[in-house]
PDB file of all heavy atoms in Angstrom:
ATOM      1  N   PHE A   1      94.704  88.212 119.317  1.00  0.00           N
ATOM      2  CA  PHE A   1      94.670  87.023 118.440  1.00  0.00           C
ATOM      3  C   PHE A   1      93.340  86.932 117.726  1.00  0.00           C
ATOM      4  O   PHE A   1      93.252  86.667 116.521  1.00  0.00           O
ATOM      5  CB  PHE A   1      94.922  85.783 119.303  1.00  0.00           C
ATOM      6  CG  PHE A   1      94.824  84.500 118.524  1.00  0.00           C
ATOM      7  CD1 PHE A   1      95.816  84.148 117.623  1.00  0.00           C
ATOM      8  CD2 PHE A   1      93.735  83.640 118.687  1.00  0.00           C
ATOM      9  CE1 PHE A   1      95.731  82.971 116.907  1.00  0.00           C
ATOM     10  CE2 PHE A   1      93.659  82.476 117.961  1.00  0.00           C
ATOM     11  CZ  PHE A   1      94.650  82.127 117.074  1.00  0.00           C
ATOM     12  N   LEU A   2      92.216  87.177 118.490  1.00  0.00           N
ATOM     13  CA  LEU A   2      90.874  87.116 117.885  1.00  0.00           C
ATOM     14  C   LEU A   2      90.698  88.204 116.834  1.00  0.00           C
ATOM     15  O   LEU A   2      90.085  87.990 115.779  1.00  0.00           O
ATOM     16  CB  LEU A   2      89.798  87.259 118.969  1.00  0.00           C
ATOM     17  CG  LEU A   2      89.691  86.068 119.945  1.00  0.00           C
ATOM     18  CD1 LEU A   2      88.676  86.402 121.045  1.00  0.00           C
ATOM     19  CD2 LEU A   2      89.254  84.804 119.186  1.00  0.00           C
ATOM     20  N   LEU A   3      91.224  89.391 117.116  1.00  0.00           N
ATOM     21  CA  LEU A   3      91.124  90.486 116.156  1.00  0.00           C
ATOM     22  C   LEU A   3      91.873  90.152 114.872  1.00  0.00           C
ATOM     23  O   LEU A   3      91.400  90.425 113.766  1.00  0.00           O
ATOM     24  CB  LEU A   3      91.685  91.761 116.800  1.00  0.00           C
ATOM     25  CG  LEU A   3      91.611  93.018 115.933  1.00  0.00           C
ATOM     26  CD1 LEU A   3      90.158  93.339 115.558  1.00  0.00           C
ATOM     27  CD2 LEU A   3      92.236  94.202 116.659  1.00  0.00           C
ATOM     28  N   ALA A   4      92.990  89.520 114.998  1.00  0.00           N
ATOM     29  CA  ALA A   4      93.777  89.129 113.823  1.00  0.00           C
ATOM     30  C   ALA A   4      93.018  88.116 112.989  1.00  0.00           C
ATOM     31  O   ALA A   4      93.012  88.169 111.749  1.00  0.00           O
ATOM     32  CB  ALA A   4      95.119  88.559 114.264  1.00  0.00           C
ATOM     33  N   LEU A   5      92.338  87.149 113.693  1.00  0.00           N
ATOM     34  CA  LEU A   5      91.546  86.150 112.959  1.00  0.00           C
ATOM     35  C   LEU A   5      90.423  86.818 112.179  1.00  0.00           C
ATOM     36  O   LEU A   5      90.119  86.457 111.032  1.00  0.00           O
ATOM     37  CB  LEU A   5      90.973  85.128 113.946  1.00  0.00           C
ATOM     38  CG  LEU A   5      91.948  84.102 114.522  1.00  0.00           C
ATOM     39  CD1 LEU A   5      91.227  83.189 115.538  1.00  0.00           C
ATOM     40  CD2 LEU A   5      92.545  83.246 113.390  1.00  0.00           C
ATOM     41  N   CYS A   6      89.760  87.794 112.802  1.00  0.00           N
ATOM     42  CA  CYS A   6      88.673  88.510 112.113  1.00  0.00           C
ATOM     43  C   CYS A   6      89.183  89.227 110.875  1.00  0.00           C
ATOM     44  O   CYS A   6      88.540  89.228 109.819  1.00  0.00           O
ATOM     45  CB  CYS A   6      88.027  89.522 113.066  1.00  0.00           C
ATOM     46  SG  CYS A   6      87.036  88.736 114.361  1.00  0.00           S
ATOM     47  N   MET A   7      90.338  89.846 110.997  1.00  0.00           N
ATOM     48  CA  MET A   7      90.891  90.575 109.858  1.00  0.00           C
ATOM     49  C   MET A   7      91.211  89.625 108.719  1.00  0.00           C
ATOM     50  O   MET A   7      90.960  89.908 107.535  1.00  0.00           O
ATOM     51  CB  MET A   7      92.160  91.332 110.281  1.00  0.00           C
ATOM     52  CG  MET A   7      91.878  92.477 111.248  1.00  0.00           C
ATOM     53  SD  MET A   7      90.835  93.745 110.503  1.00  0.00           S
ATOM     54  CE  MET A   7      91.966  94.371 109.252  1.00  0.00           C
ATOM     55  N   LEU A   8      91.756  88.448 109.049  1.00  0.00           N
ATOM     56  CA  LEU A   8      92.060  87.450 108.027  1.00  0.00           C
ATOM     57  C   LEU A   8      90.788  86.981 107.340  1.00  0.00           C
ATOM     58  O   LEU A   8      90.735  86.788 106.118  1.00  0.00           O
ATOM     59  CB  LEU A   8      92.799  86.267 108.668  1.00  0.00           C
ATOM     60  CG  LEU A   8      94.244  86.526 109.074  1.00  0.00           C
ATOM     61  CD1 LEU A   8      94.802  85.307 109.848  1.00  0.00           C
ATOM     62  CD2 LEU A   8      95.103  86.782 107.830  1.00  0.00           C
ATOM     63  N   ALA A   9      89.723  86.793 108.139  1.00  0.00           N
ATOM     64  CA  ALA A   9      88.456  86.323 107.572  1.00  0.00           C
ATOM     65  C   ALA A   9      87.876  87.356 106.622  1.00  0.00           C
ATOM     66  O   ALA A   9      87.365  87.040 105.555  1.00  0.00           O
ATOM     67  CB  ALA A   9      87.465  86.019 108.695  1.00  0.00           C
ATOM     68  N   LEU A  10      87.936  88.625 107.027  1.00  0.00           N
ATOM     69  CA  LEU A  10      87.407  89.681 106.156  1.00  0.00           C
ATOM     70  C   LEU A  10      88.176  89.765 104.852  1.00  0.00           C
ATOM     71  O   LEU A  10      87.605  89.940 103.767  1.00  0.00           O
ATOM     72  CB  LEU A  10      87.474  91.029 106.891  1.00  0.00           C
ATOM     73  CG  LEU A  10      86.459  91.222 108.019  1.00  0.00           C
ATOM     74  CD1 LEU A  10      86.773  92.520 108.774  1.00  0.00           C
ATOM     75  CD2 LEU A  10      85.035  91.276 107.451  1.00  0.00           C
ATOM     76  N   CYS A  11      89.481  89.618 104.916  1.00  0.00           N
ATOM     77  CA  CYS A  11      90.301  89.654 103.699  1.00  0.00           C
ATOM     78  C   CYS A  11      89.953  88.503 102.781  1.00  0.00           C
ATOM     79  O   CYS A  11      89.860  88.637 101.567  1.00  0.00           O
ATOM     80  CB  CYS A  11      91.789  89.612 104.069  1.00  0.00           C
ATOM     81  SG  CYS A  11      92.349  91.136 104.842  1.00  0.00           S
ATOM     82  N   ALA A  12      89.754  87.340 103.408  1.00  0.00           N
ATOM     83  CA  ALA A  12      89.408  86.158 102.614  1.00  0.00           C
ATOM     84  C   ALA A  12      88.080  86.346 101.921  1.00  0.00           C
ATOM     85  O   ALA A  12      87.904  86.017 100.747  1.00  0.00           O
ATOM     86  CB  ALA A  12      89.385  84.917 103.511  1.00  0.00           C
ATOM     87  N   CYS A  13      87.089  86.878 102.644  1.00  0.00           N
ATOM     88  CA  CYS A  13      85.767  87.120 102.048  1.00  0.00           C
ATOM     89  C   CYS A  13      85.876  88.104 100.904  1.00  0.00           C
ATOM     90  O   CYS A  13      85.253  87.953  99.861  1.00  0.00           O
ATOM     91  CB  CYS A  13      84.798  87.648 103.106  1.00  0.00           C
ATOM     92  SG  CYS A  13      84.306  86.380 104.307  1.00  0.00           S
ATOM     93  N   GLY A  14      86.682  89.162 101.133  1.00  0.00           N
ATOM     94  CA  GLY A  14      86.847  90.153 100.074  1.00  0.00           C
ATOM     95  C   GLY A  14      87.460  89.555  98.843  1.00  0.00           C
ATOM     96  O   GLY A  14      87.065  89.842  97.722  1.00  0.00           O
ATOM     97  N   SER A  15      88.438  88.667  99.061  1.00  0.00           N
ATOM     98  CA  SER A  15      89.094  88.023  97.920  1.00  0.00           C
ATOM     99  C   SER A  15      88.111  87.156  97.167  1.00  0.00           C
ATOM    100  O   SER A  15      88.072  87.116  95.944  1.00  0.00           O
ATOM    101  CB  SER A  15      90.282  87.197  98.402  1.00  0.00           C
ATOM    102  OG  SER A  15      91.228  88.043  99.011  1.00  0.00           O
ATOM    103  N   LYS A  16      87.271  86.434  97.935  1.00  0.00           N
ATOM    104  CA  LYS A  16      86.297  85.549  97.288  1.00  0.00           C
ATOM    105  C   LYS A  16      85.278  86.366  96.500  1.00  0.00           C
ATOM    106  O   LYS A  16      84.899  86.019  95.399  1.00  0.00           O
ATOM    107  CB  LYS A  16      85.594  84.700  98.347  1.00  0.00           C
ATOM    108  CG  LYS A  16      86.463  83.614  98.933  1.00  0.00           C
ATOM    109  CD  LYS A  16      85.713  82.820  99.990  1.00  0.00           C
ATOM    110  CE  LYS A  16      86.600  81.744 100.595  1.00  0.00           C
ATOM    111  NZ  LYS A  16      85.891  80.982 101.639  1.00  0.00           N
ATOM    112  N   ASP A  17      84.838  87.505  97.132  1.00  0.00           N
ATOM    113  CA  ASP A  17      83.851  88.337  96.439  1.00  0.00           C
ATOM    114  C   ASP A  17      84.433  88.919  95.151  1.00  0.00           C
ATOM    115  O   ASP A  17      83.774  88.979  94.106  1.00  0.00           O
ATOM    116  CB  ASP A  17      83.373  89.459  97.345  1.00  0.00           C
ATOM    117  CG  ASP A  17      82.480  88.931  98.461  1.00  0.00           C
ATOM    118  OD1 ASP A  17      81.973  87.791  98.331  1.00  0.00           O
ATOM    119  OD2 ASP A  17      82.292  89.674  99.448  1.00  0.00           O
ATOM    120  N   THR A  18      85.714  89.369  95.262  1.00  0.00           N
ATOM    121  CA  THR A  18      86.364  89.929  94.076  1.00  0.00           C
ATOM    122  C   THR A  18      86.496  88.892  92.990  1.00  0.00           C
ATOM    123  O   THR A  18      86.224  89.132  91.814  1.00  0.00           O
ATOM    124  CB  THR A  18      87.743  90.483  94.446  1.00  0.00           C
ATOM    125  OG1 THR A  18      87.587  91.490  95.440  1.00  0.00           O
ATOM    126  CG2 THR A  18      88.436  91.065  93.226  1.00  0.00           C
ATOM    127  N   ALA A  19      86.932  87.696  93.409  1.00  0.00           N
ATOM    128  CA  ALA A  19      87.072  86.610  92.437  1.00  0.00           C
ATOM    129  C   ALA A  19      85.729  86.273  91.811  1.00  0.00           C
ATOM    130  O   ALA A  19      85.626  86.007  90.620  1.00  0.00           O
ATOM    131  CB  ALA A  19      87.663  85.375  93.117  1.00  0.00           C
ATOM    132  N   LYS A  20      84.663  86.271  92.684  1.00  0.00           N
ATOM    133  CA  LYS A  20      83.330  85.962  92.181  1.00  0.00           C
ATOM    134  C   LYS A  20      82.885  87.025  91.178  1.00  0.00           C
ATOM    135  O   LYS A  20      82.325  86.717  90.135  1.00  0.00           O
ATOM    136  CB  LYS A  20      82.331  85.894  93.341  1.00  0.00           C
ATOM    137  CG  LYS A  20      80.905  85.523  92.923  1.00  0.00           C
ATOM    138  CD  LYS A  20      80.004  85.405  94.132  1.00  0.00           C
ATOM    139  CE  LYS A  20      78.596  84.962  93.746  1.00  0.00           C
ATOM    140  NZ  LYS A  20      77.972  85.901  92.831  1.00  0.00           N
ATOM    141  N   ASP A  21      83.163  88.321  91.522  1.00  0.00           N
ATOM    142  CA  ASP A  21      82.785  89.396  90.614  1.00  0.00           C
ATOM    143  C   ASP A  21      83.504  89.252  89.285  1.00  0.00           C
ATOM    144  O   ASP A  21      82.918  89.446  88.207  1.00  0.00           O
ATOM    145  CB  ASP A  21      83.114  90.753  91.231  1.00  0.00           C
ATOM    146  CG  ASP A  21      82.181  91.072  92.391  1.00  0.00           C
ATOM    147  OD1 ASP A  21      81.097  90.432  92.484  1.00  0.00           O
ATOM    148  OD2 ASP A  21      82.540  91.968  93.187  1.00  0.00           O
ATOM    149  N   GLU A  22      84.811  88.921  89.353  1.00  0.00           N
ATOM    150  CA  GLU A  22      85.571  88.753  88.121  1.00  0.00           C
ATOM    151  C   GLU A  22      85.036  87.594  87.305  1.00  0.00           C
ATOM    152  O   GLU A  22      84.927  87.671  86.080  1.00  0.00           O
ATOM    153  CB  GLU A  22      87.054  88.549  88.454  1.00  0.00           C
ATOM    154  CG  GLU A  22      87.724  89.794  89.011  1.00  0.00           C
ATOM    155  CD  GLU A  22      89.156  89.520  89.428  1.00  0.00           C
ATOM    156  OE1 GLU A  22      89.569  88.330  89.398  1.00  0.00           O
ATOM    157  OE2 GLU A  22      89.848  90.490  89.760  1.00  0.00           O
ATOM    158  N   THR A  23      84.678  86.502  87.993  1.00  0.00           N
ATOM    159  CA  THR A  23      84.112  85.341  87.295  1.00  0.00           C
ATOM    160  C   THR A  23      82.792  85.704  86.638  1.00  0.00           C
ATOM    161  O   THR A  23      82.523  85.349  85.497  1.00  0.00           O
ATOM    162  CB  THR A  23      83.905  84.181  88.282  1.00  0.00           C
ATOM    163  OG1 THR A  23      85.161  83.843  88.862  1.00  0.00           O
ATOM    164  CG2 THR A  23      83.318  82.968  87.564  1.00  0.00           C
ATOM    165  N   ASP A  24      81.945  86.454  87.387  1.00  0.00           N
ATOM    166  CA  ASP A  24      80.651  86.868  86.839  1.00  0.00           C
ATOM    167  C   ASP A  24      80.838  87.740  85.612  1.00  0.00           C
ATOM    168  O   ASP A  24      80.129  87.618  84.608  1.00  0.00           O
ATOM    169  CB  ASP A  24      79.842  87.615  87.889  1.00  0.00           C
ATOM    170  CG  ASP A  24      79.333  86.690  88.985  1.00  0.00           C
ATOM    171  OD1 ASP A  24      79.347  85.450  88.778  1.00  0.00           O
ATOM    172  OD2 ASP A  24      78.908  87.207  90.038  1.00  0.00           O
ATOM    173  N   ASP A  25      81.847  88.669  85.708  1.00  0.00           N
ATOM    174  CA  ASP A  25      82.107  89.545  84.563  1.00  0.00           C
ATOM    175  C   ASP A  25      82.541  88.744  83.355  1.00  0.00           C
ATOM    176  O   ASP A  25      82.106  88.984  82.223  1.00  0.00           O
ATOM    177  CB  ASP A  25      83.189  90.568  84.919  1.00  0.00           C
ATOM    178  CG  ASP A  25      82.666  91.639  85.873  1.00  0.00           C
ATOM    179  OD1 ASP A  25      81.427  91.781  85.985  1.00  0.00           O
ATOM    180  OD2 ASP A  25      83.507  92.331  86.485  1.00  0.00           O
ATOM    181  N   ASN A  26      83.438  87.768  83.598  1.00  0.00           N
ATOM    182  CA  ASN A  26      83.909  86.934  82.487  1.00  0.00           C
ATOM    183  C   ASN A  26      82.776  86.138  81.875  1.00  0.00           C
ATOM    184  O   ASN A  26      82.663  86.006  80.657  1.00  0.00           O
ATOM    185  CB  ASN A  26      85.020  85.986  82.965  1.00  0.00           C
ATOM    186  CG  ASN A  26      86.291  86.745  83.291  1.00  0.00           C
ATOM    187  OD1 ASN A  26      86.517  87.842  82.776  1.00  0.00           O
ATOM    188  ND2 ASN A  26      87.121  86.161  84.153  1.00  0.00           N
ATOM    189  N   GLN A  27      81.910  85.580  82.778  1.00  0.00           N
ATOM    190  CA  GLN A  27      80.778  84.819  82.281  1.00  0.00           C
ATOM    191  C   GLN A  27      79.840  85.715  81.480  1.00  0.00           C
ATOM    192  O   GLN A  27      79.310  85.329  80.446  1.00  0.00           O
ATOM    193  CB  GLN A  27      80.029  84.172  83.455  1.00  0.00           C
ATOM    194  CG  GLN A  27      80.781  83.008  84.085  1.00  0.00           C
ATOM    195  CD  GLN A  27      80.065  82.460  85.309  1.00  0.00           C
ATOM    196  OE1 GLN A  27      79.176  83.115  85.854  1.00  0.00           O
ATOM    197  NE2 GLN A  27      80.461  81.262  85.736  1.00  0.00           N
ATOM    198  N   GLN A  28      79.649  86.981  81.957  1.00  0.00           N
ATOM    199  CA  GLN A  28      78.783  87.911  81.247  1.00  0.00           C
ATOM    200  C   GLN A  28      79.354  88.203  79.865  1.00  0.00           C
ATOM    201  O   GLN A  28      78.638  88.264  78.872  1.00  0.00           O
ATOM    202  CB  GLN A  28      78.650  89.204  82.046  1.00  0.00           C
ATOM    203  CG  GLN A  28      77.698  90.227  81.434  1.00  0.00           C
ATOM    204  CD  GLN A  28      76.276  89.732  81.384  1.00  0.00           C
ATOM    205  OE1 GLN A  28      75.840  89.038  82.280  1.00  0.00           O
ATOM    206  NE2 GLN A  28      75.565  90.084  80.321  1.00  0.00           N
ATOM    207  N   GLN A  29      80.690  88.389  79.789  1.00  0.00           N
ATOM    208  CA  GLN A  29      81.324  88.644  78.501  1.00  0.00           C
ATOM    209  C   GLN A  29      81.162  87.451  77.574  1.00  0.00           C
ATOM    210  O   GLN A  29      80.952  87.606  76.377  1.00  0.00           O
ATOM    211  CB  GLN A  29      82.803  88.959  78.697  1.00  0.00           C
ATOM    212  CG  GLN A  29      83.027  90.312  79.383  1.00  0.00           C
ATOM    213  CD  GLN A  29      84.490  90.539  79.688  1.00  0.00           C
ATOM    214  OE1 GLN A  29      85.339  89.729  79.322  1.00  0.00           O
ATOM    215  NE2 GLN A  29      84.790  91.634  80.362  1.00  0.00           N
ATOM    216  N   ASP A  30      81.229  86.236  78.134  1.00  0.00           N
ATOM    217  CA  ASP A  30      81.125  85.044  77.305  1.00  0.00           C
ATOM    218  C   ASP A  30      79.736  84.885  76.700  1.00  0.00           C
ATOM    219  O   ASP A  30      79.590  84.364  75.597  1.00  0.00           O
ATOM    220  CB  ASP A  30      81.468  83.791  78.129  1.00  0.00           C
ATOM    221  CG  ASP A  30      82.944  83.743  78.494  1.00  0.00           C
ATOM    222  OD1 ASP A  30      83.736  84.439  77.819  1.00  0.00           O
ATOM    223  OD2 ASP A  30      83.292  83.017  79.434  1.00  0.00           O
ATOM    224  N   VAL A  31      78.719  85.328  77.441  1.00  0.00           N
ATOM    225  CA  VAL A  31      77.354  85.103  76.960  1.00  0.00           C
ATOM    226  C   VAL A  31      76.790  86.307  76.229  1.00  0.00           C
ATOM    227  O   VAL A  31      75.646  86.271  75.783  1.00  0.00           O
ATOM    228  CB  VAL A  31      76.401  84.723  78.120  1.00  0.00           C
ATOM    229  CG1 VAL A  31      76.862  83.442  78.781  1.00  0.00           C
ATOM    230  CG2 VAL A  31      76.305  85.871  79.137  1.00  0.00           C
ATOM    231  N   ASP A  32      77.568  87.405  76.110  1.00  0.00           N
ATOM    232  CA  ASP A  32      77.085  88.543  75.342  1.00  0.00           C
ATOM    233  C   ASP A  32      76.783  88.104  73.918  1.00  0.00           C
ATOM    234  O   ASP A  32      77.626  87.470  73.265  1.00  0.00           O
ATOM    235  CB  ASP A  32      78.135  89.654  75.308  1.00  0.00           C
ATOM    236  CG  ASP A  32      78.122  90.480  76.582  1.00  0.00           C
ATOM    237  OD1 ASP A  32      77.164  90.362  77.362  1.00  0.00           O
ATOM    238  OD2 ASP A  32      79.079  91.235  76.776  1.00  0.00           O
ATOM    239  N   PRO A  33      75.596  88.420  73.404  1.00  0.00           N
ATOM    240  CA  PRO A  33      75.250  87.981  72.049  1.00  0.00           C
ATOM    241  C   PRO A  33      76.088  88.704  71.005  1.00  0.00           C
ATOM    242  O   PRO A  33      76.363  89.889  71.124  1.00  0.00           O
ATOM    243  CB  PRO A  33      73.770  88.355  71.926  1.00  0.00           C
ATOM    244  CG  PRO A  33      73.586  89.487  72.895  1.00  0.00           C
ATOM    245  CD  PRO A  33      74.520  89.194  74.039  1.00  0.00           C
TER     246      PRO A  33
END
């Protein structure tokens, strides 16, 4: 059960990081002169 919780947490972090990276990329594109 604990191992399953860890795996879920890692997936969630990865999703957040990916989303953050995508947001950063979009923001970078928006501010390109």
